Protein backbone atom coordinates (compact mmCIF):
# COMPACT_ATOMS: atom_id res chain seq x y z
CA MET A 1 66.17 -86.50 44.25
CA GLU A 2 66.49 -83.63 46.70
CA LEU A 3 65.69 -80.05 45.75
CA ALA A 4 69.26 -78.93 46.45
CA LYS A 5 70.56 -81.50 43.97
CA ILE A 6 67.98 -80.42 41.40
CA ARG A 7 69.04 -76.78 41.76
CA ASN A 8 72.68 -77.73 41.08
CA LEU A 9 71.87 -79.40 37.75
CA SER A 10 72.52 -77.61 34.48
CA ALA A 11 69.71 -76.83 32.03
CA GLU A 12 70.51 -79.88 29.89
CA GLU A 13 70.69 -82.13 32.92
CA LEU A 14 67.33 -80.77 34.10
CA LYS A 15 65.71 -81.63 30.77
CA HIS A 16 67.23 -85.09 30.82
CA GLN A 17 66.14 -85.73 34.40
CA GLU A 18 62.61 -84.53 33.61
CA LYS A 19 62.38 -86.87 30.61
CA THR A 20 63.62 -89.87 32.57
CA SER A 21 61.29 -89.15 35.49
CA ALA A 22 58.33 -88.69 33.16
CA GLU A 23 59.17 -91.99 31.45
CA GLN A 24 59.41 -93.77 34.80
CA LEU A 25 56.07 -92.27 35.82
CA PHE A 26 54.46 -93.46 32.59
CA ARG A 27 55.78 -96.99 33.04
CA LEU A 28 54.73 -97.09 36.69
CA ARG A 29 51.21 -95.85 35.86
CA PHE A 30 50.97 -98.53 33.22
CA GLN A 31 52.03 -101.21 35.71
CA VAL A 32 49.51 -99.98 38.28
CA ALA A 33 46.75 -100.05 35.66
CA MET A 34 47.68 -103.62 34.75
CA GLY A 35 47.62 -104.62 38.41
CA GLN A 36 51.29 -105.55 38.47
CA ASN A 37 52.35 -102.92 40.97
CA ASP A 38 50.87 -101.05 43.91
CA GLY A 39 53.47 -98.25 43.83
CA VAL A 40 51.36 -95.34 45.02
CA LYS A 41 54.24 -93.94 47.06
CA LYS A 42 56.58 -94.09 44.07
CA LEU A 43 53.93 -92.39 41.88
CA ARG A 44 53.67 -89.49 44.32
CA GLN A 45 57.43 -89.22 44.59
CA LEU A 46 57.89 -89.09 40.81
CA ARG A 47 55.14 -86.51 40.34
CA LYS A 48 56.72 -84.36 43.05
CA GLU A 49 60.17 -84.71 41.48
CA ILE A 50 58.87 -83.70 38.04
CA ALA A 51 57.10 -80.70 39.56
CA GLN A 52 60.29 -79.61 41.35
CA ILE A 53 62.31 -79.93 38.15
CA LYS A 54 59.79 -77.88 36.19
CA THR A 55 59.69 -75.28 38.96
CA VAL A 56 63.47 -74.88 39.02
CA ALA A 57 63.57 -74.62 35.22
CA ARG A 58 60.87 -71.93 35.25
CA GLU A 59 62.61 -70.03 38.07
CA ARG A 60 65.79 -69.96 36.04
CA GLU A 61 63.88 -68.85 32.97
CA LEU A 62 62.40 -65.93 34.89
CA GLY A 63 65.54 -65.34 36.97
CA ILE A 64 63.57 -65.53 40.20
CA HIS A 65 65.36 -67.79 42.65
CA GLY A 66 68.95 -67.00 43.51
CA GLU A 67 71.90 -67.22 41.20
CA THR A 68 72.32 -70.12 38.83
CA LYS A 69 75.65 -71.51 37.67
CA GLU A 70 75.43 -69.43 34.49
CA MET A 71 74.88 -66.22 36.45
CA LYS A 72 77.72 -67.00 38.84
CA GLN A 73 80.06 -67.67 35.90
CA ALA A 74 78.94 -64.45 34.24
CA ALA A 75 79.59 -62.48 37.40
CA SER A 76 83.05 -63.96 37.88
CA ALA A 77 83.86 -63.43 34.21
CA ALA A 78 82.69 -59.82 34.43
CA GLU A 79 85.25 -59.21 37.15
CA THR A 80 88.07 -60.29 34.85
CA LYS A 81 86.92 -57.90 32.05
CA THR A 82 87.52 -60.34 29.18
CA PRO A 83 85.56 -60.53 25.91
CA LYS A 84 83.81 -63.57 27.33
CA ALA A 85 82.76 -61.44 30.27
CA LYS A 86 81.09 -58.98 27.95
CA GLN A 87 79.17 -61.83 26.30
CA ALA A 88 78.18 -63.29 29.64
CA ALA A 89 77.05 -59.89 30.89
CA ALA A 90 74.94 -59.49 27.76
CA VAL A 91 73.30 -62.86 28.45
CA VAL A 92 72.54 -61.86 32.03
CA GLU A 93 71.09 -58.53 30.86
CA ALA A 94 68.92 -60.32 28.30
CA LYS A 95 67.57 -62.61 31.02
CA ALA A 96 66.86 -59.60 33.21
CA GLU A 97 64.92 -57.99 30.35
CA LYS A 98 62.83 -61.15 29.97
CA VAL A 99 61.99 -61.01 33.66
CA GLU A 100 60.94 -57.37 33.35
CA GLU A 101 58.77 -58.23 30.33
CA ALA A 102 57.11 -61.07 32.22
CA ALA A 103 56.29 -58.91 35.24
CA PRO A 104 53.79 -56.56 33.52
CA ALA A 105 51.89 -59.56 32.17
CA SER A 106 51.26 -60.80 35.70
CA GLU A 107 50.07 -57.34 36.73
CA THR A 108 47.46 -57.28 33.96
CA LYS A 109 46.09 -60.60 35.13
CA THR A 110 45.53 -59.21 38.60
CA ARG A 111 43.78 -56.17 37.16
CA LYS A 112 41.39 -58.43 35.26
CA THR A 113 40.58 -60.41 38.37
CA LYS A 114 39.97 -57.21 40.32
CA LYS A 115 37.56 -56.05 37.62
CA ALA A 116 35.77 -59.39 37.70
CA ALA A 117 35.19 -59.22 41.45
CA PRO A 118 32.79 -56.21 41.41
CA ALA A 119 30.78 -57.89 38.64
CA ALA A 120 30.29 -60.92 40.87
CA GLU A 121 29.11 -58.64 43.66
CA THR A 122 26.51 -57.01 41.42
CA LYS A 123 25.17 -60.42 40.46
CA LYS A 124 24.71 -61.22 44.12
CA THR A 125 22.75 -58.06 44.71
CA LYS A 126 20.54 -58.72 41.66
CA SER A 127 19.79 -62.23 42.90
CA GLU A 128 19.02 -60.84 46.31
CA LYS A 129 16.62 -58.37 44.72
CA ALA A 130 14.95 -61.21 42.83
CA LYS A 131 14.52 -63.15 46.05
CA GLY A 132 13.01 -60.07 47.70
CA ALA A 133 10.55 -59.64 44.82
CA ARG A 134 9.42 -63.27 45.11
CA LYS A 135 8.59 -62.94 48.78
């Protein structure tokens, strides 16, 4: 399945497609293990498809990549100023808040890795000192 087609699927369709692909992958792996099939190309294709599906689902969860169908509907409903529009706008705002909450978590991870880097450098210098003492 192409990435464009995957992006056009709804959340339920994504889950369904992921389950069916994972099941196909399981069956194919089993066949390969039994020696019934040499479907290496199909294995790679299924793994790639599952990864794309999971990536699109995660992007939607974080609100990263473009507008989804839900966001487009919310935007068009907001223009009409109906009660449904208010609900849809609230959903979009809630998703935006989740994205903002997720962003600081990624920043803390980078801080930790930056702190770990100088420690690694000090270990190198200590080992170099030990080598110098041995000579």
